[in-house]
Amino acid sequence: MTAFDERTDQPKEVFLKFANELAFFRLIGLEIVDLGAGWSEARLQPRPELVDGYQQVHTSAIATLIDSAQESPENLPPSMP
């Protein structure tokens, strides 16, 4: 049993599947790769829609990545959908 399992009644895989099927995450190419107690790993697939005038990933996309990744198990409801 992992720290994630102790805080929720669903396994980590259920949350990862739920998060990665969110329409917004799919829209921008964001993926929650892994997570545990107080940490998570996420990635954002760069693509033309996320690039700014300097041909770099727009800071708003990076801020969204950071905001989404900071969702640790302590912030999750006890029961996942």
PDB file of N, CA and C in Angstrom:
ATOM      1  N   MET A   1       0.847  -1.188   0.000  1.00  0.00           N
ATOM      2  CA  MET A   1       0.000   0.000   0.000  1.00  0.00           C
ATOM      3  C   MET A   1       0.885   1.241   0.000  1.00  0.00           C
ATOM      4  N   THR A   2       0.585   2.184  -0.897  1.00  0.00           N
ATOM      5  CA  THR A   2       1.360   3.419  -0.975  1.00  0.00           C
ATOM      6  C   THR A   2       0.709   4.499  -0.127  1.00  0.00           C
ATOM      7  N   ALA A   3       1.402   5.611   0.028  1.00  0.00           N
ATOM      8  CA  ALA A   3       0.839   6.734   0.766  1.00  0.00           C
ATOM      9  C   ALA A   3      -0.449   7.212   0.101  1.00  0.00           C
ATOM     10  N   PHE A   4      -0.496   7.159  -1.222  1.00  0.00           N
ATOM     11  CA  PHE A   4      -1.708   7.571  -1.934  1.00  0.00           C
ATOM     12  C   PHE A   4      -2.891   6.700  -1.516  1.00  0.00           C
ATOM     13  N   ASP A   5      -2.700   5.399  -1.482  1.00  0.00           N
ATOM     14  CA  ASP A   5      -3.764   4.481  -1.120  1.00  0.00           C
ATOM     15  C   ASP A   5      -4.251   4.696   0.307  1.00  0.00           C
ATOM     16  N   GLU A   6      -3.370   5.138   1.197  1.00  0.00           N
ATOM     17  CA  GLU A   6      -3.762   5.366   2.581  1.00  0.00           C
ATOM     18  C   GLU A   6      -4.659   6.589   2.719  1.00  0.00           C
ATOM     19  N   ARG A   7      -4.540   7.556   1.817  1.00  0.00           N
ATOM     20  CA  ARG A   7      -5.311   8.784   1.921  1.00  0.00           C
ATOM     21  C   ARG A   7      -6.621   8.719   1.134  1.00  0.00           C
ATOM     22  N   THR A   8      -6.742   7.809   0.226  1.00  0.00           N
ATOM     23  CA  THR A   8      -7.957   7.672  -0.574  1.00  0.00           C
ATOM     24  C   THR A   8      -8.383   6.221  -0.552  1.00  0.00           C
ATOM     25  N   ASP A   9      -9.617   5.991  -0.946  1.00  0.00           N
ATOM     26  CA  ASP A   9     -10.066   4.606  -1.000  1.00  0.00           C
ATOM     27  C   ASP A   9      -9.958   4.034  -2.407  1.00  0.00           C
ATOM     28  N   GLN A  10      -9.258   4.714  -3.283  1.00  0.00           N
ATOM     29  CA  GLN A  10      -9.048   4.248  -4.646  1.00  0.00           C
ATOM     30  C   GLN A  10      -7.546   4.172  -4.923  1.00  0.00           C
ATOM     31  N   PRO A  11      -7.130   3.239  -5.743  1.00  0.00           N
ATOM     32  CA  PRO A  11      -5.707   3.143  -6.069  1.00  0.00           C
ATOM     33  C   PRO A  11      -5.245   4.311  -6.930  1.00  0.00           C
ATOM     34  N   LYS A  12      -3.961   4.532  -6.904  1.00  0.00           N
ATOM     35  CA  LYS A  12      -3.349   5.617  -7.659  1.00  0.00           C
ATOM     36  C   LYS A  12      -3.718   5.557  -9.137  1.00  0.00           C
ATOM     37  N   GLU A  13      -3.776   4.366  -9.705  1.00  0.00           N
ATOM     38  CA  GLU A  13      -4.064   4.221 -11.127  1.00  0.00           C
ATOM     39  C   GLU A  13      -5.432   4.800 -11.494  1.00  0.00           C
ATOM     40  N   VAL A  14      -6.395   4.694 -10.564  1.00  0.00           N
ATOM     41  CA  VAL A  14      -7.730   5.235 -10.818  1.00  0.00           C
ATOM     42  C   VAL A  14      -7.652   6.751 -10.946  1.00  0.00           C
ATOM     43  N   PHE A  15      -6.917   7.391 -10.043  1.00  0.00           N
ATOM     44  CA  PHE A  15      -6.784   8.842 -10.129  1.00  0.00           C
ATOM     45  C   PHE A  15      -6.046   9.256 -11.393  1.00  0.00           C
ATOM     46  N   LEU A  16      -4.951   8.571 -11.709  1.00  0.00           N
ATOM     47  CA  LEU A  16      -4.190   8.930 -12.904  1.00  0.00           C
ATOM     48  C   LEU A  16      -5.056   8.814 -14.152  1.00  0.00           C
ATOM     49  N   LYS A  17      -5.843   7.757 -14.249  1.00  0.00           N
ATOM     50  CA  LYS A  17      -6.738   7.581 -15.401  1.00  0.00           C
ATOM     51  C   LYS A  17      -7.765   8.708 -15.432  1.00  0.00           C
ATOM     52  N   PHE A  18      -8.369   9.011 -14.271  1.00  0.00           N
ATOM     53  CA  PHE A  18      -9.353  10.082 -14.180  1.00  0.00           C
ATOM     54  C   PHE A  18      -8.751  11.417 -14.621  1.00  0.00           C
ATOM     55  N   ALA A  19      -7.595  11.766 -14.062  1.00  0.00           N
ATOM     56  CA  ALA A  19      -6.964  13.050 -14.372  1.00  0.00           C
ATOM     57  C   ALA A  19      -6.588  13.149 -15.841  1.00  0.00           C
ATOM     58  N   ASN A  20      -6.025  12.101 -16.377  1.00  0.00           N
ATOM     59  CA  ASN A  20      -5.534  12.148 -17.750  1.00  0.00           C
ATOM     60  C   ASN A  20      -6.629  12.044 -18.798  1.00  0.00           C
ATOM     61  N   GLU A  21      -7.846  11.770 -18.361  1.00  0.00           N
ATOM     62  CA  GLU A  21      -8.983  11.779 -19.284  1.00  0.00           C
ATOM     63  C   GLU A  21      -9.757  13.095 -19.239  1.00  0.00           C
ATOM     64  N   LEU A  22      -9.332  14.024 -18.387  1.00  0.00           N
ATOM     65  CA  LEU A  22      -9.998  15.332 -18.334  1.00  0.00           C
ATOM     66  C   LEU A  22      -9.858  16.029 -19.684  1.00  0.00           C
ATOM     67  N   ALA A  23     -10.955  16.585 -20.168  1.00  0.00           N
ATOM     68  CA  ALA A  23     -10.962  17.221 -21.489  1.00  0.00           C
ATOM     69  C   ALA A  23      -9.917  18.335 -21.589  1.00  0.00           C
ATOM     70  N   PHE A  24      -9.795  19.144 -20.544  1.00  0.00           N
ATOM     71  CA  PHE A  24      -8.830  20.242 -20.595  1.00  0.00           C
ATOM     72  C   PHE A  24      -7.404  19.732 -20.684  1.00  0.00           C
ATOM     73  N   PHE A  25      -7.081  18.709 -19.916  1.00  0.00           N
ATOM     74  CA  PHE A  25      -5.733  18.129 -19.977  1.00  0.00           C
ATOM     75  C   PHE A  25      -5.453  17.608 -21.381  1.00  0.00           C
ATOM     76  N   ARG A  26      -6.427  16.918 -21.978  1.00  0.00           N
ATOM     77  CA  ARG A  26      -6.239  16.403 -23.335  1.00  0.00           C
ATOM     78  C   ARG A  26      -6.095  17.551 -24.330  1.00  0.00           C
ATOM     79  N   LEU A  27      -6.876  18.614 -24.130  1.00  0.00           N
ATOM     80  CA  LEU A  27      -6.841  19.765 -25.033  1.00  0.00           C
ATOM     81  C   LEU A  27      -5.453  20.397 -25.107  1.00  0.00           C
ATOM     82  N   ILE A  28      -4.810  20.550 -23.957  1.00  0.00           N
ATOM     83  CA  ILE A  28      -3.503  21.215 -23.958  1.00  0.00           C
ATOM     84  C   ILE A  28      -2.330  20.242 -23.963  1.00  0.00           C
ATOM     85  N   GLY A  29      -2.605  18.947 -23.897  1.00  0.00           N
ATOM     86  CA  GLY A  29      -1.528  17.957 -23.928  1.00  0.00           C
ATOM     87  C   GLY A  29      -0.823  17.768 -22.599  1.00  0.00           C
ATOM     88  N   LEU A  30      -1.556  17.945 -21.504  1.00  0.00           N
ATOM     89  CA  LEU A  30      -0.985  17.798 -20.167  1.00  0.00           C
ATOM     90  C   LEU A  30      -1.241  16.385 -19.659  1.00  0.00           C
ATOM     91  N   GLU A  31      -0.256  15.799 -19.012  1.00  0.00           N
ATOM     92  CA  GLU A  31      -0.387  14.457 -18.465  1.00  0.00           C
ATOM     93  C   GLU A  31       0.183  14.413 -17.056  1.00  0.00           C
ATOM     94  N   ILE A  32      -0.571  13.841 -16.119  1.00  0.00           N
ATOM     95  CA  ILE A  32      -0.048  13.548 -14.795  1.00  0.00           C
ATOM     96  C   ILE A  32       0.609  12.177 -14.922  1.00  0.00           C
ATOM     97  N   VAL A  33       1.914  12.122 -14.753  1.00  0.00           N
ATOM     98  CA  VAL A  33       2.675  10.900 -14.973  1.00  0.00           C
ATOM     99  C   VAL A  33       2.648  10.005 -13.743  1.00  0.00           C
ATOM    100  N   ASP A  34       2.835  10.596 -12.575  1.00  0.00           N
ATOM    101  CA  ASP A  34       2.885   9.827 -11.336  1.00  0.00           C
ATOM    102  C   ASP A  34       2.632  10.777 -10.183  1.00  0.00           C
ATOM    103  N   LEU A  35       2.269  10.243  -9.033  1.00  0.00           N
ATOM    104  CA  LEU A  35       2.109  11.065  -7.843  1.00  0.00           C
ATOM    105  C   LEU A  35       2.208  10.210  -6.600  1.00  0.00           C
ATOM    106  N   GLY A  36       2.474  10.873  -5.510  1.00  0.00           N
ATOM    107  CA  GLY A  36       2.578  10.237  -4.209  1.00  0.00           C
ATOM    108  C   GLY A  36       2.240  11.264  -3.154  1.00  0.00           C
ATOM    109  N   ALA A  37       2.494  10.951  -1.913  1.00  0.00           N
ATOM    110  CA  ALA A  37       2.166  11.852  -0.816  1.00  0.00           C
ATOM    111  C   ALA A  37       2.954  13.152  -0.931  1.00  0.00           C
ATOM    112  N   GLY A  38       2.281  14.226  -1.276  1.00  0.00           N
ATOM    113  CA  GLY A  38       2.902  15.540  -1.332  1.00  0.00           C
ATOM    114  C   GLY A  38       3.713  15.837  -2.581  1.00  0.00           C
ATOM    115  N   TRP A  39       3.656  15.004  -3.613  1.00  0.00           N
ATOM    116  CA  TRP A  39       4.419  15.266  -4.834  1.00  0.00           C
ATOM    117  C   TRP A  39       3.664  14.710  -6.045  1.00  0.00           C
ATOM    118  N   SER A  40       3.993  15.248  -7.188  1.00  0.00           N
ATOM    119  CA  SER A  40       3.475  14.694  -8.432  1.00  0.00           C
ATOM    120  C   SER A  40       4.445  15.013  -9.553  1.00  0.00           C
ATOM    121  N   GLU A  41       4.354  14.238 -10.597  1.00  0.00           N
ATOM    122  CA  GLU A  41       5.151  14.464 -11.802  1.00  0.00           C
ATOM    123  C   GLU A  41       4.181  14.634 -12.961  1.00  0.00           C
ATOM    124  N   ALA A  42       4.336  15.729 -13.682  1.00  0.00           N
ATOM    125  CA  ALA A  42       3.460  16.005 -14.817  1.00  0.00           C
ATOM    126  C   ALA A  42       4.310  16.446 -15.998  1.00  0.00           C
ATOM    127  N   ARG A  43       3.734  16.314 -17.183  1.00  0.00           N
ATOM    128  CA  ARG A  43       4.444  16.788 -18.374  1.00  0.00           C
ATOM    129  C   ARG A  43       3.454  17.442 -19.318  1.00  0.00           C
ATOM    130  N   LEU A  44       3.982  18.336 -20.099  1.00  0.00           N
ATOM    131  CA  LEU A  44       3.200  19.074 -21.084  1.00  0.00           C
ATOM    132  C   LEU A  44       3.855  18.867 -22.431  1.00  0.00           C
ATOM    133  N   GLN A  45       3.121  18.338 -23.378  1.00  0.00           N
ATOM    134  CA  GLN A  45       3.651  18.109 -24.717  1.00  0.00           C
ATOM    135  C   GLN A  45       3.615  19.421 -25.489  1.00  0.00           C
ATOM    136  N   PRO A  46       4.792  19.984 -25.805  1.00  0.00           N
ATOM    137  CA  PRO A  46       4.798  21.241 -26.568  1.00  0.00           C
ATOM    138  C   PRO A  46       4.162  21.036 -27.945  1.00  0.00           C
ATOM    139  N   ARG A  47       3.387  22.005 -28.354  1.00  0.00           N
ATOM    140  CA  ARG A  47       2.801  21.983 -29.696  1.00  0.00           C
ATOM    141  C   ARG A  47       2.538  23.403 -30.147  1.00  0.00           C
ATOM    142  N   PRO A  48       2.311  23.612 -31.428  1.00  0.00           N
ATOM    143  CA  PRO A  48       2.217  24.974 -31.976  1.00  0.00           C
ATOM    144  C   PRO A  48       1.200  25.867 -31.267  1.00  0.00           C
ATOM    145  N   GLU A  49       0.082  25.305 -30.811  1.00  0.00           N
ATOM    146  CA  GLU A  49      -0.952  26.120 -30.155  1.00  0.00           C
ATOM    147  C   GLU A  49      -0.492  26.698 -28.821  1.00  0.00           C
ATOM    148  N   LEU A  50       0.572  26.149 -28.250  1.00  0.00           N
ATOM    149  CA  LEU A  50       1.052  26.595 -26.942  1.00  0.00           C
ATOM    150  C   LEU A  50       2.277  27.495 -27.038  1.00  0.00           C
ATOM    151  N   VAL A  51       2.692  27.820 -28.240  1.00  0.00           N
ATOM    152  CA  VAL A  51       3.916  28.591 -28.452  1.00  0.00           C
ATOM    153  C   VAL A  51       3.587  30.081 -28.546  1.00  0.00           C
ATOM    154  N   ASP A  52       4.457  30.911 -27.956  1.00  0.00           N
ATOM    155  CA  ASP A  52       4.271  32.357 -28.008  1.00  0.00           C
ATOM    156  C   ASP A  52       5.004  32.960 -29.211  1.00  0.00           C
ATOM    157  N   GLY A  53       5.038  34.261 -29.287  1.00  0.00           N
ATOM    158  CA  GLY A  53       5.682  34.961 -30.400  1.00  0.00           C
ATOM    159  C   GLY A  53       7.182  34.753 -30.473  1.00  0.00           C
ATOM    160  N   TYR A  54       7.786  34.277 -29.420  1.00  0.00           N
ATOM    161  CA  TYR A  54       9.227  34.008 -29.394  1.00  0.00           C
ATOM    162  C   TYR A  54       9.533  32.539 -29.682  1.00  0.00           C
ATOM    163  N   GLN A  55       8.501  31.803 -30.108  1.00  0.00           N
ATOM    164  CA  GLN A  55       8.630  30.374 -30.417  1.00  0.00           C
ATOM    165  C   GLN A  55       9.030  29.537 -29.194  1.00  0.00           C
ATOM    166  N   GLN A  56       8.551  29.968 -28.030  1.00  0.00           N
ATOM    167  CA  GLN A  56       8.748  29.226 -26.781  1.00  0.00           C
ATOM    168  C   GLN A  56       7.377  28.872 -26.225  1.00  0.00           C
ATOM    169  N   VAL A  57       7.329  27.827 -25.407  1.00  0.00           N
ATOM    170  CA  VAL A  57       6.059  27.482 -24.772  1.00  0.00           C
ATOM    171  C   VAL A  57       5.611  28.679 -23.938  1.00  0.00           C
ATOM    172  N   HIS A  58       4.376  29.097 -24.148  1.00  0.00           N
ATOM    173  CA  HIS A  58       3.837  30.279 -23.482  1.00  0.00           C
ATOM    174  C   HIS A  58       3.841  30.086 -21.965  1.00  0.00           C
ATOM    175  N   THR A  59       4.141  31.158 -21.247  1.00  0.00           N
ATOM    176  CA  THR A  59       4.203  31.073 -19.786  1.00  0.00           C
ATOM    177  C   THR A  59       2.869  30.656 -19.169  1.00  0.00           C
ATOM    178  N   SER A  60       1.752  30.982 -19.819  1.00  0.00           N
ATOM    179  CA  SER A  60       0.449  30.550 -19.303  1.00  0.00           C
ATOM    180  C   SER A  60       0.318  29.033 -19.343  1.00  0.00           C
ATOM    181  N   ALA A  61       0.874  28.400 -20.373  1.00  0.00           N
ATOM    182  CA  ALA A  61       0.852  26.939 -20.455  1.00  0.00           C
ATOM    183  C   ALA A  61       1.716  26.339 -19.351  1.00  0.00           C
ATOM    184  N   ILE A  62       2.854  26.961 -19.094  1.00  0.00           N
ATOM    185  CA  ILE A  62       3.741  26.474 -18.025  1.00  0.00           C
ATOM    186  C   ILE A  62       3.084  26.670 -16.662  1.00  0.00           C
ATOM    187  N   ALA A  63       2.412  27.804 -16.472  1.00  0.00           N
ATOM    188  CA  ALA A  63       1.704  28.045 -15.213  1.00  0.00           C
ATOM    189  C   ALA A  63       0.591  27.013 -15.008  1.00  0.00           C
ATOM    190  N   THR A  64      -0.088  26.643 -16.083  1.00  0.00           N
ATOM    191  CA  THR A  64      -1.123  25.607 -15.996  1.00  0.00           C
ATOM    192  C   THR A  64      -0.508  24.273 -15.611  1.00  0.00           C
ATOM    193  N   LEU A  65       0.646  23.954 -16.175  1.00  0.00           N
ATOM    194  CA  LEU A  65       1.355  22.725 -15.821  1.00  0.00           C
ATOM    195  C   LEU A  65       1.693  22.719 -14.332  1.00  0.00           C
ATOM    196  N   ILE A  66       2.244  23.806 -13.841  1.00  0.00           N
ATOM    197  CA  ILE A  66       2.613  23.908 -12.429  1.00  0.00           C
ATOM    198  C   ILE A  66       1.370  23.793 -11.541  1.00  0.00           C
ATOM    199  N   ASP A  67       0.313  24.506 -11.896  1.00  0.00           N
ATOM    200  CA  ASP A  67      -0.915  24.486 -11.105  1.00  0.00           C
ATOM    201  C   ASP A  67      -1.508  23.081 -11.051  1.00  0.00           C
ATOM    202  N   SER A  68      -1.523  22.405 -12.173  1.00  0.00           N
ATOM    203  CA  SER A  68      -2.083  21.048 -12.219  1.00  0.00           C
ATOM    204  C   SER A  68      -1.207  20.047 -11.473  1.00  0.00           C
ATOM    205  N   ALA A  69       0.099  20.193 -11.588  1.00  0.00           N
ATOM    206  CA  ALA A  69       1.022  19.259 -10.944  1.00  0.00           C
ATOM    207  C   ALA A  69       1.012  19.404  -9.423  1.00  0.00           C
ATOM    208  N   GLN A  70       0.703  20.591  -8.919  1.00  0.00           N
ATOM    209  CA  GLN A  70       0.753  20.803  -7.472  1.00  0.00           C
ATOM    210  C   GLN A  70      -0.387  20.117  -6.747  1.00  0.00           C
ATOM    211  N   GLU A  71      -1.373  19.602  -7.479  1.00  0.00           N
ATOM    212  CA  GLU A  71      -2.475  18.886  -6.837  1.00  0.00           C
ATOM    213  C   GLU A  71      -1.954  17.588  -6.240  1.00  0.00           C
ATOM    214  N   SER A  72      -1.655  17.610  -4.991  1.00  0.00           N
ATOM    215  CA  SER A  72      -1.130  16.425  -4.307  1.00  0.00           C
ATOM    216  C   SER A  72      -2.266  15.629  -3.692  1.00  0.00           C
ATOM    217  N   PRO A  73      -1.995  14.395  -3.293  1.00  0.00           N
ATOM    218  CA  PRO A  73      -3.050  13.559  -2.704  1.00  0.00           C
ATOM    219  C   PRO A  73      -3.760  14.183  -1.508  1.00  0.00           C
ATOM    220  N   GLU A  74      -3.104  15.075  -0.784  1.00  0.00           N
ATOM    221  CA  GLU A  74      -3.753  15.717   0.360  1.00  0.00           C
ATOM    222  C   GLU A  74      -4.937  16.565  -0.081  1.00  0.00           C
ATOM    223  N   ASN A  75      -4.949  16.996  -1.345  1.00  0.00           N
ATOM    224  CA  ASN A  75      -6.014  17.839  -1.854  1.00  0.00           C
ATOM    225  C   ASN A  75      -7.111  17.050  -2.540  1.00  0.00           C
ATOM    226  N   LEU A  76      -6.957  15.753  -2.651  1.00  0.00           N
ATOM    227  CA  LEU A  76      -7.955  14.935  -3.345  1.00  0.00           C
ATOM    228  C   LEU A  76      -9.077  14.543  -2.416  1.00  0.00           C
ATOM    229  N   PRO A  77     -10.289  14.411  -2.977  1.00  0.00           N
ATOM    230  CA  PRO A  77     -11.392  13.934  -2.137  1.00  0.00           C
ATOM    231  C   PRO A  77     -11.156  12.487  -1.738  1.00  0.00           C
ATOM    232  N   PRO A  78     -11.765  12.041  -0.635  1.00  0.00           N
ATOM    233  CA  PRO A  78     -11.538  10.683  -0.168  1.00  0.00           C
ATOM    234  C   PRO A  78     -12.002   9.620  -1.164  1.00  0.00           C
ATOM    235  N   SER A  79     -12.952   9.961  -2.007  1.00  0.00           N
ATOM    236  CA  SER A  79     -13.432   8.983  -2.978  1.00  0.00           C
ATOM    237  C   SER A  79     -13.331   9.573  -4.375  1.00  0.00           C
ATOM    238  N   MET A  80     -12.692   8.863  -5.256  1.00  0.00           N
ATOM    239  CA  MET A  80     -12.530   9.327  -6.631  1.00  0.00           C
ATOM    240  C   MET A  80     -13.726   8.882  -7.464  1.00  0.00           C
ATOM    241  N   PRO A  81     -14.098   9.671  -8.488  1.00  0.00           N
ATOM    242  CA  PRO A  81     -15.219   9.266  -9.372  1.00  0.00           C
ATOM    243  C   PRO A  81     -14.894   8.001 -10.131  1.00  0.00           C
TER     244      PRO A  81
END
